[in-house]
Amino acid sequence: VDSAMSKAERAAKSRDPDAIARFEALKK
């Protein structure tokens, strides 16, 4: 999770729905 978090946060800024969902899931 720690290694995926920063990558997911950057990807979520693209507003891609899958990337946003992944980042939100990791935060939970």
mmCIF file of all heavy atoms, coordinates in Angstrom:
data_MODEL
# 
_entry.id   MODEL 
# 
loop_
_atom_site.group_PDB 
_atom_site.id 
_atom_site.type_symbol 
_atom_site.label_atom_id 
_atom_site.label_alt_id 
_atom_site.label_comp_id 
_atom_site.label_asym_id 
_atom_site.label_entity_id 
_atom_site.label_seq_id 
_atom_site.pdbx_PDB_ins_code 
_atom_site.Cartn_x 
_atom_site.Cartn_y 
_atom_site.Cartn_z 
_atom_site.occupancy 
_atom_site.B_iso_or_equiv 
_atom_site.pdbx_formal_charge 
_atom_site.auth_seq_id 
_atom_site.auth_comp_id 
_atom_site.auth_asym_id 
_atom_site.auth_atom_id 
_atom_site.pdbx_PDB_model_num 
ATOM 1   N N   . VAL A 1 1  ? 0.835   -1.209 0.000   1.00 0.00 ? 1  VAL A N   1 
ATOM 2   C CA  . VAL A 1 1  ? 0.000   0.000  0.000   1.00 0.00 ? 1  VAL A CA  1 
ATOM 3   C C   . VAL A 1 1  ? 0.865   1.251  0.000   1.00 0.00 ? 1  VAL A C   1 
ATOM 4   O O   . VAL A 1 1  ? 0.596   2.210  -0.744  1.00 0.00 ? 1  VAL A O   1 
ATOM 5   C CB  . VAL A 1 1  ? -0.952  -0.012 1.211   1.00 0.00 ? 1  VAL A CB  1 
ATOM 6   C CG1 . VAL A 1 1  ? -1.640  1.344  1.379   1.00 0.00 ? 1  VAL A CG1 1 
ATOM 7   C CG2 . VAL A 1 1  ? -1.995  -1.107 1.052   1.00 0.00 ? 1  VAL A CG2 1 
ATOM 8   N N   . ASP A 1 2  ? 1.906   1.257  0.813   1.00 0.00 ? 2  ASP A N   1 
ATOM 9   C CA  . ASP A 1 2  ? 2.774   2.439  0.872   1.00 0.00 ? 2  ASP A CA  1 
ATOM 10  C C   . ASP A 1 2  ? 3.429   2.719  -0.473  1.00 0.00 ? 2  ASP A C   1 
ATOM 11  O O   . ASP A 1 2  ? 3.526   3.883  -0.912  1.00 0.00 ? 2  ASP A O   1 
ATOM 12  C CB  . ASP A 1 2  ? 3.861   2.246  1.940   1.00 0.00 ? 2  ASP A CB  1 
ATOM 13  C CG  . ASP A 1 2  ? 3.305   2.309  3.360   1.00 0.00 ? 2  ASP A CG  1 
ATOM 14  O OD1 . ASP A 1 2  ? 2.159   2.776  3.519   1.00 0.00 ? 2  ASP A OD1 1 
ATOM 15  O OD2 . ASP A 1 2  ? 4.016   1.886  4.291   1.00 0.00 ? 2  ASP A OD2 1 
ATOM 16  N N   . SER A 1 3  ? 3.881   1.670  -1.146  1.00 0.00 ? 3  SER A N   1 
ATOM 17  C CA  . SER A 1 3  ? 4.549   1.869  -2.438  1.00 0.00 ? 3  SER A CA  1 
ATOM 18  C C   . SER A 1 3  ? 3.558   2.290  -3.525  1.00 0.00 ? 3  SER A C   1 
ATOM 19  O O   . SER A 1 3  ? 3.938   2.956  -4.491  1.00 0.00 ? 3  SER A O   1 
ATOM 20  C CB  . SER A 1 3  ? 5.272   0.588  -2.858  1.00 0.00 ? 3  SER A CB  1 
ATOM 21  O OG  . SER A 1 3  ? 4.355   -0.467 -3.055  1.00 0.00 ? 3  SER A OG  1 
ATOM 22  N N   . ALA A 1 4  ? 2.287   1.897  -3.369  1.00 0.00 ? 4  ALA A N   1 
ATOM 23  C CA  . ALA A 1 4  ? 1.277   2.237  -4.376  1.00 0.00 ? 4  ALA A CA  1 
ATOM 24  C C   . ALA A 1 4  ? 0.658   3.612  -4.148  1.00 0.00 ? 4  ALA A C   1 
ATOM 25  O O   . ALA A 1 4  ? 0.102   4.206  -5.078  1.00 0.00 ? 4  ALA A O   1 
ATOM 26  C CB  . ALA A 1 4  ? 0.166   1.188  -4.376  1.00 0.00 ? 4  ALA A CB  1 
ATOM 27  N N   . MET A 1 5  ? 0.760   4.123  -2.922  1.00 0.00 ? 5  MET A N   1 
ATOM 28  C CA  . MET A 1 5  ? 0.044   5.343  -2.563  1.00 0.00 ? 5  MET A CA  1 
ATOM 29  C C   . MET A 1 5  ? 0.484   6.558  -3.370  1.00 0.00 ? 5  MET A C   1 
ATOM 30  O O   . MET A 1 5  ? -0.343  7.278  -3.948  1.00 0.00 ? 5  MET A O   1 
ATOM 31  C CB  . MET A 1 5  ? 0.225   5.621  -1.077  1.00 0.00 ? 5  MET A CB  1 
ATOM 32  C CG  . MET A 1 5  ? -0.604  6.790  -0.552  1.00 0.00 ? 5  MET A CG  1 
ATOM 33  S SD  . MET A 1 5  ? -2.369  6.432  -0.488  1.00 0.00 ? 5  MET A SD  1 
ATOM 34  C CE  . MET A 1 5  ? -2.454  5.496  1.038   1.00 0.00 ? 5  MET A CE  1 
ATOM 35  N N   . SER A 1 6  ? 1.788   6.830  -3.424  1.00 0.00 ? 6  SER A N   1 
ATOM 36  C CA  . SER A 1 6  ? 2.264   8.027  -4.117  1.00 0.00 ? 6  SER A CA  1 
ATOM 37  C C   . SER A 1 6  ? 1.959   7.975  -5.609  1.00 0.00 ? 6  SER A C   1 
ATOM 38  O O   . SER A 1 6  ? 1.558   8.988  -6.215  1.00 0.00 ? 6  SER A O   1 
ATOM 39  C CB  . SER A 1 6  ? 3.767   8.216  -3.890  1.00 0.00 ? 6  SER A CB  1 
ATOM 40  O OG  . SER A 1 6  ? 4.474   7.076  -4.332  1.00 0.00 ? 6  SER A OG  1 
ATOM 41  N N   . LYS A 1 7  ? 2.118   6.812  -6.200  1.00 0.00 ? 7  LYS A N   1 
ATOM 42  C CA  . LYS A 1 7  ? 1.807   6.647  -7.624  1.00 0.00 ? 7  LYS A CA  1 
ATOM 43  C C   . LYS A 1 7  ? 0.312   6.877  -7.871  1.00 0.00 ? 7  LYS A C   1 
ATOM 44  O O   . LYS A 1 7  ? -0.077  7.529  -8.844  1.00 0.00 ? 7  LYS A O   1 
ATOM 45  C CB  . LYS A 1 7  ? 2.218   5.252  -8.085  1.00 0.00 ? 7  LYS A CB  1 
ATOM 46  C CG  . LYS A 1 7  ? 1.960   4.992  -9.566  1.00 0.00 ? 7  LYS A CG  1 
ATOM 47  C CD  . LYS A 1 7  ? 2.416   3.593  -9.959  1.00 0.00 ? 7  LYS A CD  1 
ATOM 48  C CE  . LYS A 1 7  ? 2.120   3.318  -11.430 1.00 0.00 ? 7  LYS A CE  1 
ATOM 49  N NZ  . LYS A 1 7  ? 2.530   1.940  -11.817 1.00 0.00 ? 7  LYS A NZ  1 
ATOM 50  N N   . ALA A 1 8  ? -0.524  6.326  -6.984  1.00 0.00 ? 8  ALA A N   1 
ATOM 51  C CA  . ALA A 1 8  ? -1.972  6.485  -7.128  1.00 0.00 ? 8  ALA A CA  1 
ATOM 52  C C   . ALA A 1 8  ? -2.395  7.937  -6.966  1.00 0.00 ? 8  ALA A C   1 
ATOM 53  O O   . ALA A 1 8  ? -3.292  8.420  -7.662  1.00 0.00 ? 8  ALA A O   1 
ATOM 54  C CB  . ALA A 1 8  ? -2.690  5.605  -6.106  1.00 0.00 ? 8  ALA A CB  1 
ATOM 55  N N   . GLU A 1 9  ? -1.739  8.637  -6.047  1.00 0.00 ? 9  GLU A N   1 
ATOM 56  C CA  . GLU A 1 9  ? -2.077  10.054 -5.829  1.00 0.00 ? 9  GLU A CA  1 
ATOM 57  C C   . GLU A 1 9  ? -1.773  10.885 -7.066  1.00 0.00 ? 9  GLU A C   1 
ATOM 58  O O   . GLU A 1 9  ? -2.562  11.735 -7.484  1.00 0.00 ? 9  GLU A O   1 
ATOM 59  C CB  . GLU A 1 9  ? -1.305  10.590 -4.630  1.00 0.00 ? 9  GLU A CB  1 
ATOM 60  C CG  . GLU A 1 9  ? -1.680  12.020 -4.262  1.00 0.00 ? 9  GLU A CG  1 
ATOM 61  C CD  . GLU A 1 9  ? -0.991  12.496 -2.990  1.00 0.00 ? 9  GLU A CD  1 
ATOM 62  O OE1 . GLU A 1 9  ? -0.055  11.815 -2.520  1.00 0.00 ? 9  GLU A OE1 1 
ATOM 63  O OE2 . GLU A 1 9  ? -1.404  13.548 -2.465  1.00 0.00 ? 9  GLU A OE2 1 
ATOM 64  N N   . ARG A 1 10 ? -0.616  10.616 -7.687  1.00 0.00 ? 10 ARG A N   1 
ATOM 65  C CA  . ARG A 1 10 ? -0.263  11.338 -8.917  1.00 0.00 ? 10 ARG A CA  1 
ATOM 66  C C   . ARG A 1 10 ? -1.250  11.007 -10.040 1.00 0.00 ? 10 ARG A C   1 
ATOM 67  O O   . ARG A 1 10 ? -1.690  11.896 -10.775 1.00 0.00 ? 10 ARG A O   1 
ATOM 68  C CB  . ARG A 1 10 ? 1.165   10.970 -9.352  1.00 0.00 ? 10 ARG A CB  1 
ATOM 69  C CG  . ARG A 1 10 ? 2.254   11.507 -8.464  1.00 0.00 ? 10 ARG A CG  1 
ATOM 70  C CD  . ARG A 1 10 ? 3.621   11.392 -9.134  1.00 0.00 ? 10 ARG A CD  1 
ATOM 71  N NE  . ARG A 1 10 ? 3.951   10.001 -9.483  1.00 0.00 ? 10 ARG A NE  1 
ATOM 72  C CZ  . ARG A 1 10 ? 4.564   9.147  -8.669  1.00 0.00 ? 10 ARG A CZ  1 
ATOM 73  N NH1 . ARG A 1 10 ? 4.912   9.530  -7.446  1.00 0.00 ? 10 ARG A NH1 1 
ATOM 74  N NH2 . ARG A 1 10 ? 4.835   7.925  -9.068  1.00 0.00 ? 10 ARG A NH2 1 
ATOM 75  N N   . ALA A 1 11 ? -1.591  9.738  -10.174 1.00 0.00 ? 11 ALA A N   1 
ATOM 76  C CA  . ALA A 1 11 ? -2.508  9.323  -11.233 1.00 0.00 ? 11 ALA A CA  1 
ATOM 77  C C   . ALA A 1 11 ? -3.899  9.913  -11.036 1.00 0.00 ? 11 ALA A C   1 
ATOM 78  O O   . ALA A 1 11 ? -4.592  10.245 -12.005 1.00 0.00 ? 11 ALA A O   1 
ATOM 79  C CB  . ALA A 1 11 ? -2.593  7.796  -11.283 1.00 0.00 ? 11 ALA A CB  1 
ATOM 80  N N   . ALA A 1 12 ? -4.322  10.082 -9.777  1.00 0.00 ? 12 ALA A N   1 
ATOM 81  C CA  . ALA A 1 12 ? -5.659  10.611 -9.488  1.00 0.00 ? 12 ALA A CA  1 
ATOM 82  C C   . ALA A 1 12 ? -5.807  12.054 -9.948  1.00 0.00 ? 12 ALA A C   1 
ATOM 83  O O   . ALA A 1 12 ? -6.926  12.516 -10.227 1.00 0.00 ? 12 ALA A O   1 
ATOM 84  C CB  . ALA A 1 12 ? -5.957  10.501 -8.001  1.00 0.00 ? 12 ALA A CB  1 
ATOM 85  N N   . LYS A 1 13 ? -4.701  12.780 -10.038 1.00 0.00 ? 13 LYS A N   1 
ATOM 86  C CA  . LYS A 1 13 ? -4.753  14.183 -10.470 1.00 0.00 ? 13 LYS A CA  1 
ATOM 87  C C   . LYS A 1 13 ? -5.163  14.305 -11.940 1.00 0.00 ? 13 LYS A C   1 
ATOM 88  O O   . LYS A 1 13 ? -5.576  15.374 -12.389 1.00 0.00 ? 13 LYS A O   1 
ATOM 89  C CB  . LYS A 1 13 ? -3.390  14.849 -10.243 1.00 0.00 ? 13 LYS A CB  1 
ATOM 90  C CG  . LYS A 1 13 ? -3.061  15.016 -8.768  1.00 0.00 ? 13 LYS A CG  1 
ATOM 91  C CD  . LYS A 1 13 ? -1.678  15.604 -8.563  1.00 0.00 ? 13 LYS A CD  1 
ATOM 92  C CE  . LYS A 1 13 ? -1.362  15.743 -7.069  1.00 0.00 ? 13 LYS A CE  1 
ATOM 93  N NZ  . LYS A 1 13 ? 0.002   16.258 -6.832  1.00 0.00 ? 13 LYS A NZ  1 
ATOM 94  N N   . SER A 1 14 ? -5.073  13.197 -12.665 1.00 0.00 ? 14 SER A N   1 
ATOM 95  C CA  . SER A 1 14 ? -5.495  13.203 -14.070 1.00 0.00 ? 14 SER A CA  1 
ATOM 96  C C   . SER A 1 14 ? -7.011  13.162 -14.196 1.00 0.00 ? 14 SER A C   1 
ATOM 97  O O   . SER A 1 14 ? -7.550  13.274 -15.292 1.00 0.00 ? 14 SER A O   1 
ATOM 98  C CB  . SER A 1 14 ? -4.898  11.998 -14.799 1.00 0.00 ? 14 SER A CB  1 
ATOM 99  O OG  . SER A 1 14 ? -5.502  10.786 -14.337 1.00 0.00 ? 14 SER A OG  1 
ATOM 100 N N   . ARG A 1 15 ? -7.685  12.958 -13.068 1.00 0.00 ? 15 ARG A N   1 
ATOM 101 C CA  . ARG A 1 15 ? -9.155  12.855 -12.992 1.00 0.00 ? 15 ARG A CA  1 
ATOM 102 C C   . ARG A 1 15 ? -9.693  11.606 -13.661 1.00 0.00 ? 15 ARG A C   1 
ATOM 103 O O   . ARG A 1 15 ? -10.886 11.493 -13.933 1.00 0.00 ? 15 ARG A O   1 
ATOM 104 C CB  . ARG A 1 15 ? -9.847  14.092 -13.597 1.00 0.00 ? 15 ARG A CB  1 
ATOM 105 C CG  . ARG A 1 15 ? -9.365  15.437 -13.095 1.00 0.00 ? 15 ARG A CG  1 
ATOM 106 C CD  . ARG A 1 15 ? -9.300  15.491 -11.586 1.00 0.00 ? 15 ARG A CD  1 
ATOM 107 N NE  . ARG A 1 15 ? -10.628 15.305 -10.966 1.00 0.00 ? 15 ARG A NE  1 
ATOM 108 C CZ  . ARG A 1 15 ? -10.833 15.118 -9.665  1.00 0.00 ? 15 ARG A CZ  1 
ATOM 109 N NH1 . ARG A 1 15 ? -9.806  15.024 -8.842  1.00 0.00 ? 15 ARG A NH1 1 
ATOM 110 N NH2 . ARG A 1 15 ? -12.060 14.977 -9.204  1.00 0.00 ? 15 ARG A NH2 1 
ATOM 111 N N   . ASP A 1 16 ? -8.825  10.645 -13.933 1.00 0.00 ? 16 ASP A N   1 
ATOM 112 C CA  . ASP A 1 16 ? -9.278  9.351  -14.453 1.00 0.00 ? 16 ASP A CA  1 
ATOM 113 C C   . ASP A 1 16 ? -10.076 8.641  -13.358 1.00 0.00 ? 16 ASP A C   1 
ATOM 114 O O   . ASP A 1 16 ? -9.580  8.498  -12.225 1.00 0.00 ? 16 ASP A O   1 
ATOM 115 C CB  . ASP A 1 16 ? -8.077  8.494  -14.856 1.00 0.00 ? 16 ASP A CB  1 
ATOM 116 C CG  . ASP A 1 16 ? -8.509  7.104  -15.308 1.00 0.00 ? 16 ASP A CG  1 
ATOM 117 O OD1 . ASP A 1 16 ? -9.081  6.981  -16.394 1.00 0.00 ? 16 ASP A OD1 1 
ATOM 118 O OD2 . ASP A 1 16 ? -8.295  6.142  -14.524 1.00 0.00 ? 16 ASP A OD2 1 
ATOM 119 N N   . PRO A 1 17 ? -11.313 8.193  -13.653 1.00 0.00 ? 17 PRO A N   1 
ATOM 120 C CA  . PRO A 1 17 ? -12.162 7.580  -12.613 1.00 0.00 ? 17 PRO A CA  1 
ATOM 121 C C   . PRO A 1 17 ? -11.518 6.382  -11.916 1.00 0.00 ? 17 PRO A C   1 
ATOM 122 O O   . PRO A 1 17 ? -11.624 6.233  -10.703 1.00 0.00 ? 17 PRO A O   1 
ATOM 123 C CB  . PRO A 1 17 ? -13.413 7.155  -13.396 1.00 0.00 ? 17 PRO A CB  1 
ATOM 124 C CG  . PRO A 1 17 ? -13.457 8.078  -14.571 1.00 0.00 ? 17 PRO A CG  1 
ATOM 125 C CD  . PRO A 1 17 ? -12.024 8.319  -14.941 1.00 0.00 ? 17 PRO A CD  1 
ATOM 126 N N   . ASP A 1 18 ? -10.846 5.511  -12.686 1.00 0.00 ? 18 ASP A N   1 
ATOM 127 C CA  . ASP A 1 18 ? -10.200 4.345  -12.085 1.00 0.00 ? 18 ASP A CA  1 
ATOM 128 C C   . ASP A 1 18 ? -9.075  4.768  -11.141 1.00 0.00 ? 18 ASP A C   1 
ATOM 129 O O   . ASP A 1 18 ? -8.903  4.180  -10.057 1.00 0.00 ? 18 ASP A O   1 
ATOM 130 C CB  . ASP A 1 18 ? -9.639  3.423  -13.165 1.00 0.00 ? 18 ASP A CB  1 
ATOM 131 C CG  . ASP A 1 18 ? -10.729 2.673  -13.910 1.00 0.00 ? 18 ASP A CG  1 
ATOM 132 O OD1 . ASP A 1 18 ? -11.868 2.613  -13.394 1.00 0.00 ? 18 ASP A OD1 1 
ATOM 133 O OD2 . ASP A 1 18 ? -10.447 2.157  -15.006 1.00 0.00 ? 18 ASP A OD2 1 
ATOM 134 N N   . ALA A 1 19 ? -8.301  5.770  -11.562 1.00 0.00 ? 19 ALA A N   1 
ATOM 135 C CA  . ALA A 1 19 ? -7.190  6.254  -10.738 1.00 0.00 ? 19 ALA A CA  1 
ATOM 136 C C   . ALA A 1 19 ? -7.704  6.878  -9.446  1.00 0.00 ? 19 ALA A C   1 
ATOM 137 O O   . ALA A 1 19 ? -7.128  6.683  -8.370  1.00 0.00 ? 19 ALA A O   1 
ATOM 138 C CB  . ALA A 1 19 ? -6.352  7.265  -11.524 1.00 0.00 ? 19 ALA A CB  1 
ATOM 139 N N   . ILE A 1 20 ? -8.799  7.609  -9.554  1.00 0.00 ? 20 ILE A N   1 
ATOM 140 C CA  . ILE A 1 20 ? -9.395  8.225  -8.361  1.00 0.00 ? 20 ILE A CA  1 
ATOM 141 C C   . ILE A 1 20 ? -9.905  7.152  -7.406  1.00 0.00 ? 20 ILE A C   1 
ATOM 142 O O   . ILE A 1 20 ? -9.681  7.213  -6.187  1.00 0.00 ? 20 ILE A O   1 
ATOM 143 C CB  . ILE A 1 20 ? -10.544 9.179  -8.762  1.00 0.00 ? 20 ILE A CB  1 
ATOM 144 C CG1 . ILE A 1 20 ? -9.982  10.388 -9.533  1.00 0.00 ? 20 ILE A CG1 1 
ATOM 145 C CG2 . ILE A 1 20 ? -11.321 9.647  -7.531  1.00 0.00 ? 20 ILE A CG2 1 
ATOM 146 C CD1 . ILE A 1 20 ? -11.053 11.271 -10.144 1.00 0.00 ? 20 ILE A CD1 1 
ATOM 147 N N   . ALA A 1 21 ? -10.583 6.160  -7.966  1.00 0.00 ? 21 ALA A N   1 
ATOM 148 C CA  . ALA A 1 21 ? -11.111 5.074  -7.129  1.00 0.00 ? 21 ALA A CA  1 
ATOM 149 C C   . ALA A 1 21 ? -9.978  4.333  -6.428  1.00 0.00 ? 21 ALA A C   1 
ATOM 150 O O   . ALA A 1 21 ? -10.099 3.961  -5.247  1.00 0.00 ? 21 ALA A O   1 
ATOM 151 C CB  . ALA A 1 21 ? -11.926 4.107  -7.990  1.00 0.00 ? 21 ALA A CB  1 
ATOM 152 N N   . ARG A 1 22 ? -8.876  4.110  -7.131  1.00 0.00 ? 22 ARG A N   1 
ATOM 153 C CA  . ARG A 1 22 ? -7.730  3.402  -6.543  1.00 0.00 ? 22 ARG A CA  1 
ATOM 154 C C   . ARG A 1 22 ? -7.140  4.214  -5.390  1.00 0.00 ? 22 ARG A C   1 
ATOM 155 O O   . ARG A 1 22 ? -6.852  3.657  -4.313  1.00 0.00 ? 22 ARG A O   1 
ATOM 156 C CB  . ARG A 1 22 ? -6.666  3.148  -7.612  1.00 0.00 ? 22 ARG A CB  1 
ATOM 157 C CG  . ARG A 1 22 ? -5.539  2.214  -7.159  1.00 0.00 ? 22 ARG A CG  1 
ATOM 158 C CD  . ARG A 1 22 ? -4.594  1.970  -8.324  1.00 0.00 ? 22 ARG A CD  1 
ATOM 159 N NE  . ARG A 1 22 ? -3.562  0.997  -8.027  1.00 0.00 ? 22 ARG A NE  1 
ATOM 160 C CZ  . ARG A 1 22 ? -3.698  -0.316 -8.128  1.00 0.00 ? 22 ARG A CZ  1 
ATOM 161 N NH1 . ARG A 1 22 ? -4.844  -0.829 -8.521  1.00 0.00 ? 22 ARG A NH1 1 
ATOM 162 N NH2 . ARG A 1 22 ? -2.700  -1.133 -7.841  1.00 0.00 ? 22 ARG A NH2 1 
ATOM 163 N N   . PHE A 1 23 ? -6.967  5.509  -5.598  1.00 0.00 ? 23 PHE A N   1 
ATOM 164 C CA  . PHE A 1 23 ? -6.390  6.365  -4.561  1.00 0.00 ? 23 PHE A CA  1 
ATOM 165 C C   . PHE A 1 23 ? -7.299  6.424  -3.336  1.00 0.00 ? 23 PHE A C   1 
ATOM 166 O O   . PHE A 1 23 ? -6.834  6.332  -2.190  1.00 0.00 ? 23 PHE A O   1 
ATOM 167 C CB  . PHE A 1 23 ? -6.147  7.771  -5.122  1.00 0.00 ? 23 PHE A CB  1 
ATOM 168 C CG  . PHE A 1 23 ? -5.505  8.716  -4.146  1.00 0.00 ? 23 PHE A CG  1 
ATOM 169 C CD1 . PHE A 1 23 ? -4.382  8.330  -3.424  1.00 0.00 ? 23 PHE A CD1 1 
ATOM 170 C CD2 . PHE A 1 23 ? -6.022  9.990  -3.948  1.00 0.00 ? 23 PHE A CD2 1 
ATOM 171 C CE1 . PHE A 1 23 ? -3.774  9.202  -2.522  1.00 0.00 ? 23 PHE A CE1 1 
ATOM 172 C CE2 . PHE A 1 23 ? -5.430  10.859 -3.050  1.00 0.00 ? 23 PHE A CE2 1 
ATOM 173 C CZ  . PHE A 1 23 ? -4.304  10.459 -2.340  1.00 0.00 ? 23 PHE A CZ  1 
ATOM 174 N N   . GLU A 1 24 ? -8.600  6.547  -3.568  1.00 0.00 ? 24 GLU A N   1 
ATOM 175 C CA  . GLU A 1 24 ? -9.548  6.596  -2.439  1.00 0.00 ? 24 GLU A CA  1 
ATOM 176 C C   . GLU A 1 24 ? -9.552  5.281  -1.666  1.00 0.00 ? 24 GLU A C   1 
ATOM 177 O O   . GLU A 1 24 ? -9.647  5.270  -0.430  1.00 0.00 ? 24 GLU A O   1 
ATOM 178 C CB  . GLU A 1 24 ? -10.953 6.916  -2.953  1.00 0.00 ? 24 GLU A CB  1 
ATOM 179 C CG  . GLU A 1 24 ? -11.129 8.320  -3.507  1.00 0.00 ? 24 GLU A CG  1 
ATOM 180 C CD  . GLU A 1 24 ? -10.813 9.390  -2.471  1.00 0.00 ? 24 GLU A CD  1 
ATOM 181 O OE1 . GLU A 1 24 ? -11.213 9.212  -1.291  1.00 0.00 ? 24 GLU A OE1 1 
ATOM 182 O OE2 . GLU A 1 24 ? -10.158 10.388 -2.824  1.00 0.00 ? 24 GLU A OE2 1 
ATOM 183 N N   . ALA A 1 25 ? -9.451  4.168  -2.389  1.00 0.00 ? 25 ALA A N   1 
ATOM 184 C CA  . ALA A 1 25 ? -9.407  2.860  -1.732  1.00 0.00 ? 25 ALA A CA  1 
ATOM 185 C C   . ALA A 1 25 ? -8.155  2.723  -0.878  1.00 0.00 ? 25 ALA A C   1 
ATOM 186 O O   . ALA A 1 25 ? -8.207  2.256  0.269   1.00 0.00 ? 25 ALA A O   1 
ATOM 187 C CB  . ALA A 1 25 ? -9.462  1.744  -2.769  1.00 0.00 ? 25 ALA A CB  1 
ATOM 188 N N   . LEU A 1 26 ? -7.021  3.155  -1.408  1.00 0.00 ? 26 LEU A N   1 
ATOM 189 C CA  . LEU A 1 26 ? -5.769  3.076  -0.661  1.00 0.00 ? 26 LEU A CA  1 
ATOM 190 C C   . LEU A 1 26 ? -5.817  3.929  0.601   1.00 0.00 ? 26 LEU A C   1 
ATOM 191 O O   . LEU A 1 26 ? -5.281  3.537  1.654   1.00 0.00 ? 26 LEU A O   1 
ATOM 192 C CB  . LEU A 1 26 ? -4.599  3.515  -1.546  1.00 0.00 ? 26 LEU A CB  1 
ATOM 193 C CG  . LEU A 1 26 ? -4.182  2.524  -2.636  1.00 0.00 ? 26 LEU A CG  1 
ATOM 194 C CD1 . LEU A 1 26 ? -3.251  3.181  -3.652  1.00 0.00 ? 26 LEU A CD1 1 
ATOM 195 C CD2 . LEU A 1 26 ? -3.493  1.308  -2.016  1.00 0.00 ? 26 LEU A CD2 1 
ATOM 196 N N   . LYS A 1 27 ? -6.458  5.091  0.510   1.00 0.00 ? 27 LYS A N   1 
ATOM 197 C CA  . LYS A 1 27 ? -6.580  5.973  1.692   1.00 0.00 ? 27 LYS A CA  1 
ATOM 198 C C   . LYS A 1 27 ? -7.416  5.320  2.789   1.00 0.00 ? 27 LYS A C   1 
ATOM 199 O O   . LYS A 1 27 ? -7.202  5.576  3.977   1.00 0.00 ? 27 LYS A O   1 
ATOM 200 C CB  . LYS A 1 27 ? -7.183  7.323  1.297   1.00 0.00 ? 27 LYS A CB  1 
ATOM 201 C CG  . LYS A 1 27 ? -6.229  8.215  0.523   1.00 0.00 ? 27 LYS A CG  1 
ATOM 202 C CD  . LYS A 1 27 ? -6.697  9.656  0.476   1.00 0.00 ? 27 LYS A CD  1 
ATOM 203 C CE  . LYS A 1 27 ? -8.000  9.813  -0.273  1.00 0.00 ? 27 LYS A CE  1 
ATOM 204 N NZ  . LYS A 1 27 ? -8.414  11.238 -0.347  1.00 0.00 ? 27 LYS A NZ  1 
ATOM 205 N N   . LYS A 1 28 ? -8.366  4.464  2.409   1.00 0.00 ? 28 LYS A N   1 
ATOM 206 C CA  . LYS A 1 28 ? -9.185  3.755  3.404   1.00 0.00 ? 28 LYS A CA  1 
ATOM 207 C C   . LYS A 1 28 ? -8.438  2.549  3.977   1.00 0.00 ? 28 LYS A C   1 
ATOM 208 O O   . LYS A 1 28 ? -8.586  2.214  5.156   1.00 0.00 ? 28 LYS A O   1 
ATOM 209 C CB  . LYS A 1 28 ? -10.499 3.295  2.757   1.00 0.00 ? 28 LYS A CB  1 
ATOM 210 C CG  . LYS A 1 28 ? -11.443 4.439  2.411   1.00 0.00 ? 28 LYS A CG  1 
ATOM 211 C CD  . LYS A 1 28 ? -12.698 3.922  1.724   1.00 0.00 ? 28 LYS A CD  1 
ATOM 212 C CE  . LYS A 1 28 ? -13.645 5.070  1.366   1.00 0.00 ? 28 LYS A CE  1 
ATOM 213 N NZ  . LYS A 1 28 ? -14.852 4.598  0.636   1.00 0.00 ? 28 LYS A NZ  1 
# 
